[in-house]
Amino acid sequence: MTVIADIVGVDNGRTFFWDWMQDLNTTVELDQKSQCEGMLNTTRLSIQEDDWSWVSDSSKGFSVRSIRKLCLDTIPGEEGHVFLWNRWLPKKVNIFGWRALMERLPTWDTLRKKRVQIESDACPLCEEAAETVDHLFTACSFACEVW
């Protein structure tokens, strides 16, 4: 098992001397090293043994209820999305609806946000606007005819 002390030497608690197995060659590697150093310069290391704690509710410890509350509290805008599962529909239809509500469908817009290289984010059905979940289900003239 590798520990931080095996990789990083600390001087005065602020300067880090890296002991890499290979030299960093690319600009990406050097940039990542610089970002890592920037984060570590604000960190204090100690020789105490690490311990685990749940920051959200330290008195009761970790629970599913506490993580759900934390997630709902951090969703910007509304109080959180509520999706009612329909038992009459197949699970895959419910999951598709939930993914559409959460904007997790692989539209051109979401792929572009994930830095997938695409030529155009225009809707392939109507080519009138960017292909988003909202556009596909409410504004696309071709999809509206199908619905």
N, C-alpha and C. Protein backbone atom coordinates (compact mmCIF):
# COMPACT_ATOMS: atom_id res chain seq x y z
N MET A 1 0.84 -1.17 0.00
CA MET A 1 0.00 0.00 0.00
C MET A 1 0.89 1.24 0.00
N THR A 2 0.59 2.17 -0.87
CA THR A 2 1.34 3.42 -0.96
C THR A 2 0.66 4.48 -0.12
N VAL A 3 1.44 5.21 0.63
CA VAL A 3 0.91 6.32 1.42
C VAL A 3 1.52 7.62 0.90
N ILE A 4 0.87 8.73 1.24
CA ILE A 4 1.32 10.04 0.78
C ILE A 4 2.78 10.29 1.16
N ALA A 5 3.16 9.89 2.36
CA ALA A 5 4.53 10.14 2.83
C ALA A 5 5.56 9.45 1.95
N ASP A 6 5.19 8.37 1.26
CA ASP A 6 6.12 7.69 0.37
C ASP A 6 6.34 8.45 -0.93
N ILE A 7 5.41 9.30 -1.29
CA ILE A 7 5.45 9.99 -2.58
C ILE A 7 5.88 11.45 -2.44
N VAL A 8 5.47 12.10 -1.37
CA VAL A 8 5.68 13.53 -1.22
C VAL A 8 6.53 13.81 0.01
N GLY A 9 7.56 14.63 -0.15
CA GLY A 9 8.33 15.09 0.98
C GLY A 9 7.85 16.48 1.37
N VAL A 10 7.74 16.76 2.64
CA VAL A 10 7.22 18.03 3.11
C VAL A 10 8.32 18.82 3.80
N ASP A 11 8.43 20.11 3.46
CA ASP A 11 9.40 20.99 4.10
C ASP A 11 8.66 22.20 4.63
N ASN A 12 8.73 22.49 5.92
CA ASN A 12 8.05 23.61 6.57
C ASN A 12 6.52 23.52 6.46
N GLY A 13 5.99 22.38 6.15
CA GLY A 13 4.55 22.19 6.07
C GLY A 13 3.91 22.83 4.87
N ARG A 14 4.65 23.45 3.94
CA ARG A 14 4.07 24.15 2.82
C ARG A 14 4.67 23.76 1.46
N THR A 15 5.90 23.36 1.41
CA THR A 15 6.55 23.05 0.14
C THR A 15 6.59 21.54 -0.05
N PHE A 16 6.24 21.11 -1.23
CA PHE A 16 6.20 19.68 -1.52
C PHE A 16 7.28 19.33 -2.54
N PHE A 17 8.04 18.32 -2.23
CA PHE A 17 9.06 17.82 -3.14
C PHE A 17 8.57 16.47 -3.68
N TRP A 18 8.23 16.47 -4.94
CA TRP A 18 7.64 15.28 -5.55
C TRP A 18 8.74 14.30 -5.94
N ASP A 19 8.47 13.04 -5.72
CA ASP A 19 9.41 11.99 -6.10
C ASP A 19 8.69 11.10 -7.13
N TRP A 20 8.75 11.51 -8.40
CA TRP A 20 8.04 10.80 -9.46
C TRP A 20 8.89 9.67 -10.01
N MET A 21 8.25 8.62 -10.46
CA MET A 21 8.97 7.50 -11.08
C MET A 21 9.46 7.90 -12.47
N GLN A 22 8.73 8.82 -13.15
CA GLN A 22 9.10 9.30 -14.47
C GLN A 22 9.04 10.82 -14.46
N ASP A 23 9.76 11.44 -15.38
CA ASP A 23 9.68 12.89 -15.51
C ASP A 23 8.35 13.26 -16.17
N LEU A 24 7.81 14.41 -15.77
CA LEU A 24 6.59 14.91 -16.39
C LEU A 24 6.99 15.61 -17.68
N ASN A 25 6.39 15.21 -18.80
CA ASN A 25 6.82 15.72 -20.10
C ASN A 25 5.80 16.63 -20.77
N THR A 26 4.55 16.26 -20.72
CA THR A 26 3.55 17.01 -21.48
C THR A 26 3.07 18.21 -20.70
N THR A 27 2.51 19.17 -21.42
CA THR A 27 1.97 20.37 -20.77
C THR A 27 0.77 20.01 -19.90
N VAL A 28 0.02 18.98 -20.28
CA VAL A 28 -1.13 18.55 -19.48
C VAL A 28 -0.64 18.03 -18.13
N GLU A 29 0.40 17.20 -18.14
CA GLU A 29 0.95 16.67 -16.89
C GLU A 29 1.49 17.78 -16.00
N LEU A 30 2.20 18.72 -16.60
CA LEU A 30 2.75 19.83 -15.82
C LEU A 30 1.65 20.73 -15.26
N ASP A 31 0.60 20.94 -16.05
CA ASP A 31 -0.53 21.74 -15.58
C ASP A 31 -1.25 21.04 -14.43
N GLN A 32 -1.45 19.73 -14.54
CA GLN A 32 -2.10 18.99 -13.46
C GLN A 32 -1.25 19.00 -12.20
N LYS A 33 0.07 18.91 -12.34
CA LYS A 33 0.96 18.98 -11.19
C LYS A 33 0.84 20.34 -10.52
N SER A 34 0.79 21.39 -11.32
CA SER A 34 0.67 22.75 -10.78
C SER A 34 -0.65 22.93 -10.04
N GLN A 35 -1.75 22.40 -10.60
CA GLN A 35 -3.05 22.48 -9.94
C GLN A 35 -3.02 21.70 -8.62
N CYS A 36 -2.42 20.53 -8.63
CA CYS A 36 -2.33 19.71 -7.42
C CYS A 36 -1.52 20.42 -6.35
N GLU A 37 -0.41 21.03 -6.73
CA GLU A 37 0.41 21.78 -5.78
C GLU A 37 -0.38 22.94 -5.19
N GLY A 38 -1.16 23.63 -6.03
CA GLY A 38 -1.98 24.73 -5.55
C GLY A 38 -2.98 24.28 -4.49
N MET A 39 -3.59 23.12 -4.69
CA MET A 39 -4.53 22.60 -3.70
C MET A 39 -3.81 22.16 -2.43
N LEU A 40 -2.64 21.54 -2.59
CA LEU A 40 -1.92 21.02 -1.43
C LEU A 40 -1.27 22.12 -0.60
N ASN A 41 -0.98 23.27 -1.20
CA ASN A 41 -0.33 24.35 -0.45
C ASN A 41 -1.25 24.92 0.63
N THR A 42 -2.53 24.70 0.53
CA THR A 42 -3.46 25.17 1.56
C THR A 42 -3.79 24.06 2.55
N THR A 43 -3.14 22.91 2.42
CA THR A 43 -3.41 21.75 3.26
C THR A 43 -2.29 21.54 4.26
N ARG A 44 -2.67 21.20 5.47
CA ARG A 44 -1.69 20.86 6.50
C ARG A 44 -1.68 19.35 6.67
N LEU A 45 -0.53 18.76 6.62
CA LEU A 45 -0.40 17.32 6.84
C LEU A 45 0.08 17.08 8.27
N SER A 46 -0.37 16.00 8.85
CA SER A 46 0.07 15.64 10.20
C SER A 46 0.42 14.16 10.22
N ILE A 47 0.99 13.72 11.32
CA ILE A 47 1.35 12.32 11.44
C ILE A 47 0.26 11.51 12.13
N GLN A 48 -0.86 12.17 12.46
CA GLN A 48 -1.98 11.45 13.08
C GLN A 48 -2.59 10.47 12.09
N GLU A 49 -3.16 9.41 12.62
CA GLU A 49 -3.83 8.44 11.78
C GLU A 49 -5.17 9.02 11.31
N ASP A 50 -5.51 8.80 10.05
CA ASP A 50 -6.77 9.30 9.50
C ASP A 50 -7.95 8.57 10.12
N ASP A 51 -9.08 9.26 10.18
CA ASP A 51 -10.31 8.62 10.61
C ASP A 51 -11.45 9.10 9.72
N TRP A 52 -12.50 8.30 9.67
CA TRP A 52 -13.65 8.59 8.84
C TRP A 52 -14.74 9.23 9.69
N SER A 53 -15.37 10.26 9.14
CA SER A 53 -16.52 10.86 9.82
C SER A 53 -17.48 11.40 8.77
N TRP A 54 -18.76 11.42 9.10
CA TRP A 54 -19.79 11.93 8.21
C TRP A 54 -20.05 13.37 8.61
N VAL A 55 -19.66 14.31 7.76
CA VAL A 55 -19.69 15.72 8.08
C VAL A 55 -21.12 16.25 8.19
N SER A 56 -22.04 15.74 7.39
CA SER A 56 -23.39 16.28 7.35
C SER A 56 -24.12 16.16 8.68
N ASP A 57 -23.99 15.03 9.35
CA ASP A 57 -24.68 14.82 10.62
C ASP A 57 -23.79 13.96 11.51
N SER A 58 -22.80 14.59 12.11
CA SER A 58 -21.80 13.83 12.87
C SER A 58 -22.37 13.18 14.12
N SER A 59 -23.49 13.70 14.65
CA SER A 59 -24.03 13.12 15.88
C SER A 59 -24.65 11.75 15.65
N LYS A 60 -25.26 11.56 14.47
CA LYS A 60 -25.95 10.30 14.20
C LYS A 60 -25.16 9.37 13.28
N GLY A 61 -24.15 9.88 12.61
CA GLY A 61 -23.41 9.07 11.66
C GLY A 61 -24.09 9.06 10.30
N PHE A 62 -23.56 8.26 9.41
CA PHE A 62 -24.07 8.21 8.04
C PHE A 62 -25.40 7.49 7.98
N SER A 63 -26.32 8.02 7.16
CA SER A 63 -27.57 7.33 6.88
C SER A 63 -28.03 7.73 5.48
N VAL A 64 -28.86 6.90 4.89
CA VAL A 64 -29.41 7.21 3.57
C VAL A 64 -30.25 8.48 3.65
N ARG A 65 -30.99 8.64 4.74
CA ARG A 65 -31.81 9.84 4.92
C ARG A 65 -30.95 11.10 4.92
N SER A 66 -29.79 11.06 5.58
CA SER A 66 -28.95 12.25 5.64
C SER A 66 -28.34 12.58 4.27
N ILE A 67 -27.96 11.57 3.49
CA ILE A 67 -27.41 11.85 2.16
C ILE A 67 -28.50 12.36 1.23
N ARG A 68 -29.72 11.83 1.35
CA ARG A 68 -30.83 12.32 0.53
C ARG A 68 -31.13 13.78 0.86
N LYS A 69 -31.14 14.11 2.15
CA LYS A 69 -31.39 15.49 2.57
C LYS A 69 -30.29 16.41 2.04
N LEU A 70 -29.04 15.96 2.12
CA LEU A 70 -27.93 16.74 1.62
C LEU A 70 -28.06 16.98 0.12
N CYS A 71 -28.43 15.95 -0.63
CA CYS A 71 -28.60 16.08 -2.08
C CYS A 71 -29.74 17.04 -2.41
N LEU A 72 -30.88 16.90 -1.73
CA LEU A 72 -32.01 17.78 -2.00
C LEU A 72 -31.72 19.22 -1.62
N ASP A 73 -30.93 19.42 -0.57
CA ASP A 73 -30.58 20.78 -0.15
C ASP A 73 -29.64 21.46 -1.13
N THR A 74 -28.84 20.67 -1.87
CA THR A 74 -27.87 21.27 -2.78
C THR A 74 -28.38 21.42 -4.20
N ILE A 75 -29.59 20.94 -4.51
CA ILE A 75 -30.14 21.11 -5.85
C ILE A 75 -30.57 22.56 -6.00
N PRO A 76 -30.01 23.28 -6.98
CA PRO A 76 -30.39 24.68 -7.13
C PRO A 76 -31.81 24.82 -7.68
N GLY A 77 -32.43 25.93 -7.37
CA GLY A 77 -33.76 26.21 -7.92
C GLY A 77 -34.85 25.59 -7.09
N GLU A 78 -35.52 24.62 -7.65
CA GLU A 78 -36.68 24.02 -7.01
C GLU A 78 -36.27 23.20 -5.79
N GLU A 79 -37.27 22.71 -5.08
CA GLU A 79 -37.02 21.90 -3.89
C GLU A 79 -36.45 20.54 -4.24
N GLY A 80 -36.36 20.23 -5.48
CA GLY A 80 -35.90 18.93 -5.92
C GLY A 80 -36.96 18.33 -6.83
N HIS A 81 -36.53 17.52 -7.75
CA HIS A 81 -37.46 16.91 -8.68
C HIS A 81 -38.17 15.74 -7.99
N VAL A 82 -39.45 15.65 -8.25
CA VAL A 82 -40.21 14.52 -7.74
C VAL A 82 -40.68 13.73 -8.95
N PHE A 83 -40.32 12.49 -8.99
CA PHE A 83 -40.73 11.63 -10.10
C PHE A 83 -41.52 10.47 -9.52
N LEU A 84 -42.76 10.36 -9.93
CA LEU A 84 -43.61 9.28 -9.45
C LEU A 84 -43.50 8.10 -10.39
N TRP A 85 -43.09 6.96 -9.88
CA TRP A 85 -42.95 5.75 -10.66
C TRP A 85 -44.33 5.16 -10.89
N ASN A 86 -44.59 4.74 -12.11
CA ASN A 86 -45.86 4.14 -12.48
C ASN A 86 -45.65 2.62 -12.54
N ARG A 87 -46.33 1.91 -11.66
CA ARG A 87 -46.14 0.45 -11.60
C ARG A 87 -46.72 -0.28 -12.81
N TRP A 88 -47.61 0.38 -13.54
CA TRP A 88 -48.21 -0.25 -14.72
C TRP A 88 -47.27 -0.23 -15.91
N LEU A 89 -46.29 0.65 -15.89
CA LEU A 89 -45.35 0.76 -17.00
C LEU A 89 -44.13 -0.11 -16.75
N PRO A 90 -43.48 -0.57 -17.80
CA PRO A 90 -42.23 -1.32 -17.62
C PRO A 90 -41.17 -0.42 -16.97
N LYS A 91 -40.24 -1.04 -16.25
CA LYS A 91 -39.20 -0.28 -15.56
C LYS A 91 -38.41 0.60 -16.52
N LYS A 92 -38.13 0.07 -17.71
CA LYS A 92 -37.31 0.85 -18.64
C LYS A 92 -38.02 2.14 -19.07
N VAL A 93 -39.35 2.15 -19.11
CA VAL A 93 -40.09 3.36 -19.44
C VAL A 93 -40.01 4.36 -18.29
N ASN A 94 -40.14 3.87 -17.06
CA ASN A 94 -39.99 4.73 -15.89
C ASN A 94 -38.58 5.33 -15.83
N ILE A 95 -37.58 4.52 -16.09
CA ILE A 95 -36.20 5.00 -16.05
C ILE A 95 -35.97 6.03 -17.14
N PHE A 96 -36.53 5.81 -18.32
CA PHE A 96 -36.40 6.78 -19.41
C PHE A 96 -37.03 8.11 -19.00
N GLY A 97 -38.21 8.08 -18.41
CA GLY A 97 -38.87 9.31 -17.96
C GLY A 97 -38.06 10.03 -16.89
N TRP A 98 -37.51 9.27 -15.95
CA TRP A 98 -36.69 9.85 -14.90
C TRP A 98 -35.43 10.50 -15.48
N ARG A 99 -34.79 9.79 -16.41
CA ARG A 99 -33.59 10.34 -17.05
C ARG A 99 -33.91 11.59 -17.86
N ALA A 100 -35.08 11.62 -18.50
CA ALA A 100 -35.48 12.81 -19.25
C ALA A 100 -35.70 13.98 -18.30
N LEU A 101 -36.35 13.74 -17.17
CA LEU A 101 -36.58 14.78 -16.17
C LEU A 101 -35.27 15.35 -15.62
N MET A 102 -34.30 14.48 -15.42
CA MET A 102 -33.01 14.90 -14.87
C MET A 102 -32.03 15.37 -15.96
N GLU A 103 -32.51 15.44 -17.22
CA GLU A 103 -31.69 15.82 -18.37
C GLU A 103 -30.45 14.94 -18.49
N ARG A 104 -30.67 13.64 -18.41
CA ARG A 104 -29.59 12.66 -18.50
C ARG A 104 -29.70 11.80 -19.75
N LEU A 105 -30.46 12.26 -20.74
CA LEU A 105 -30.53 11.54 -22.01
C LEU A 105 -29.38 12.00 -22.91
N PRO A 106 -28.86 11.11 -23.76
CA PRO A 106 -27.72 11.48 -24.59
C PRO A 106 -28.10 12.34 -25.79
N THR A 107 -28.56 13.56 -25.52
CA THR A 107 -28.86 14.49 -26.61
C THR A 107 -27.55 15.15 -27.03
N TRP A 108 -27.58 15.84 -28.16
CA TRP A 108 -26.36 16.51 -28.62
C TRP A 108 -25.89 17.52 -27.58
N ASP A 109 -26.84 18.18 -26.93
CA ASP A 109 -26.50 19.19 -25.93
C ASP A 109 -25.75 18.57 -24.75
N THR A 110 -26.24 17.46 -24.21
CA THR A 110 -25.56 16.84 -23.07
C THR A 110 -24.23 16.22 -23.48
N LEU A 111 -24.14 15.70 -24.69
CA LEU A 111 -22.87 15.15 -25.17
C LEU A 111 -21.83 16.26 -25.32
N ARG A 112 -22.27 17.43 -25.81
CA ARG A 112 -21.35 18.56 -25.96
C ARG A 112 -20.85 19.02 -24.59
N LYS A 113 -21.74 19.01 -23.58
CA LYS A 113 -21.33 19.40 -22.22
C LYS A 113 -20.30 18.43 -21.65
N LYS A 114 -20.33 17.17 -22.12
CA LYS A 114 -19.35 16.18 -21.66
C LYS A 114 -18.11 16.17 -22.53
N ARG A 115 -18.00 17.20 -23.38
CA ARG A 115 -16.85 17.41 -24.27
C ARG A 115 -16.69 16.33 -25.33
N VAL A 116 -17.81 15.77 -25.77
CA VAL A 116 -17.78 14.85 -26.90
C VAL A 116 -17.78 15.69 -28.17
N GLN A 117 -16.85 15.39 -29.07
CA GLN A 117 -16.74 16.16 -30.29
C GLN A 117 -17.88 15.82 -31.24
N ILE A 118 -18.70 16.83 -31.54
CA ILE A 118 -19.79 16.67 -32.51
C ILE A 118 -19.73 17.83 -33.48
N GLU A 119 -20.17 17.59 -34.72
CA GLU A 119 -20.11 18.64 -35.73
C GLU A 119 -21.10 19.76 -35.42
N SER A 120 -22.33 19.39 -35.09
CA SER A 120 -23.36 20.38 -34.84
C SER A 120 -24.29 19.86 -33.76
N ASP A 121 -24.78 20.77 -32.92
CA ASP A 121 -25.72 20.33 -31.89
C ASP A 121 -27.17 20.59 -32.31
N ALA A 122 -27.38 20.88 -33.60
CA ALA A 122 -28.73 21.11 -34.10
C ALA A 122 -29.54 19.81 -34.08
N CYS A 123 -30.82 19.94 -33.82
CA CYS A 123 -31.72 18.79 -33.78
C CYS A 123 -31.72 18.10 -35.14
N PRO A 124 -31.41 16.81 -35.21
CA PRO A 124 -31.36 16.12 -36.49
C PRO A 124 -32.74 15.91 -37.11
N LEU A 125 -33.80 16.06 -36.32
CA LEU A 125 -35.15 15.86 -36.83
C LEU A 125 -35.69 17.09 -37.54
N CYS A 126 -35.48 18.28 -36.96
CA CYS A 126 -36.04 19.49 -37.54
C CYS A 126 -34.99 20.52 -37.92
N GLU A 127 -33.79 20.41 -37.36
CA GLU A 127 -32.68 21.33 -37.59
C GLU A 127 -33.05 22.79 -37.33
N GLU A 128 -33.99 23.02 -36.39
CA GLU A 128 -34.45 24.38 -36.07
C GLU A 128 -33.77 24.93 -34.82
N ALA A 129 -33.34 24.08 -33.92
CA ALA A 129 -32.74 24.52 -32.66
C ALA A 129 -31.79 23.44 -32.15
N ALA A 130 -31.11 23.75 -31.06
CA ALA A 130 -30.21 22.77 -30.45
C ALA A 130 -31.02 21.61 -29.90
N GLU A 131 -30.46 20.40 -30.03
CA GLU A 131 -31.16 19.21 -29.54
C GLU A 131 -30.95 19.10 -28.03
N THR A 132 -31.98 19.46 -27.28
CA THR A 132 -32.01 19.31 -25.83
C THR A 132 -33.20 18.43 -25.48
N VAL A 133 -33.27 18.01 -24.23
CA VAL A 133 -34.41 17.20 -23.79
C VAL A 133 -35.70 18.00 -23.94
N ASP A 134 -35.67 19.26 -23.51
CA ASP A 134 -36.86 20.10 -23.62
C ASP A 134 -37.28 20.27 -25.07
N HIS A 135 -36.32 20.51 -25.95
CA HIS A 135 -36.66 20.68 -27.36
C HIS A 135 -37.29 19.41 -27.94
N LEU A 136 -36.69 18.25 -27.64
CA LEU A 136 -37.21 17.01 -28.21
C LEU A 136 -38.64 16.70 -27.79
N PHE A 137 -38.98 17.01 -26.54
CA PHE A 137 -40.30 16.62 -26.04
C PHE A 137 -41.34 17.72 -26.07
N THR A 138 -40.93 18.96 -26.34
CA THR A 138 -41.93 20.04 -26.33
C THR A 138 -41.89 20.95 -27.54
N ALA A 139 -40.75 21.14 -28.18
CA ALA A 139 -40.64 22.17 -29.22
C ALA A 139 -40.33 21.66 -30.62
N CYS A 140 -39.81 20.47 -30.74
CA CYS A 140 -39.43 19.95 -32.06
C CYS A 140 -40.69 19.70 -32.91
N SER A 141 -40.75 20.35 -34.06
CA SER A 141 -41.94 20.24 -34.90
C SER A 141 -42.15 18.79 -35.38
N PHE A 142 -41.07 18.09 -35.69
CA PHE A 142 -41.19 16.71 -36.14
C PHE A 142 -41.67 15.81 -35.00
N ALA A 143 -41.06 15.97 -33.82
CA ALA A 143 -41.46 15.13 -32.67
C ALA A 143 -42.90 15.42 -32.25
N CYS A 144 -43.33 16.70 -32.36
CA CYS A 144 -44.72 17.04 -32.00
C CYS A 144 -45.71 16.34 -32.92
N GLU A 145 -45.35 16.19 -34.20
CA GLU A 145 -46.23 15.47 -35.13
C GLU A 145 -46.31 14.00 -34.75
N VAL A 146 -45.19 13.43 -34.32
CA VAL A 146 -45.18 12.03 -33.91
C VAL A 146 -46.02 11.84 -32.66
N TRP A 147 -45.88 12.74 -31.68
CA TRP A 147 -46.65 12.64 -30.45
C TRP A 147 -48.12 12.79 -30.75
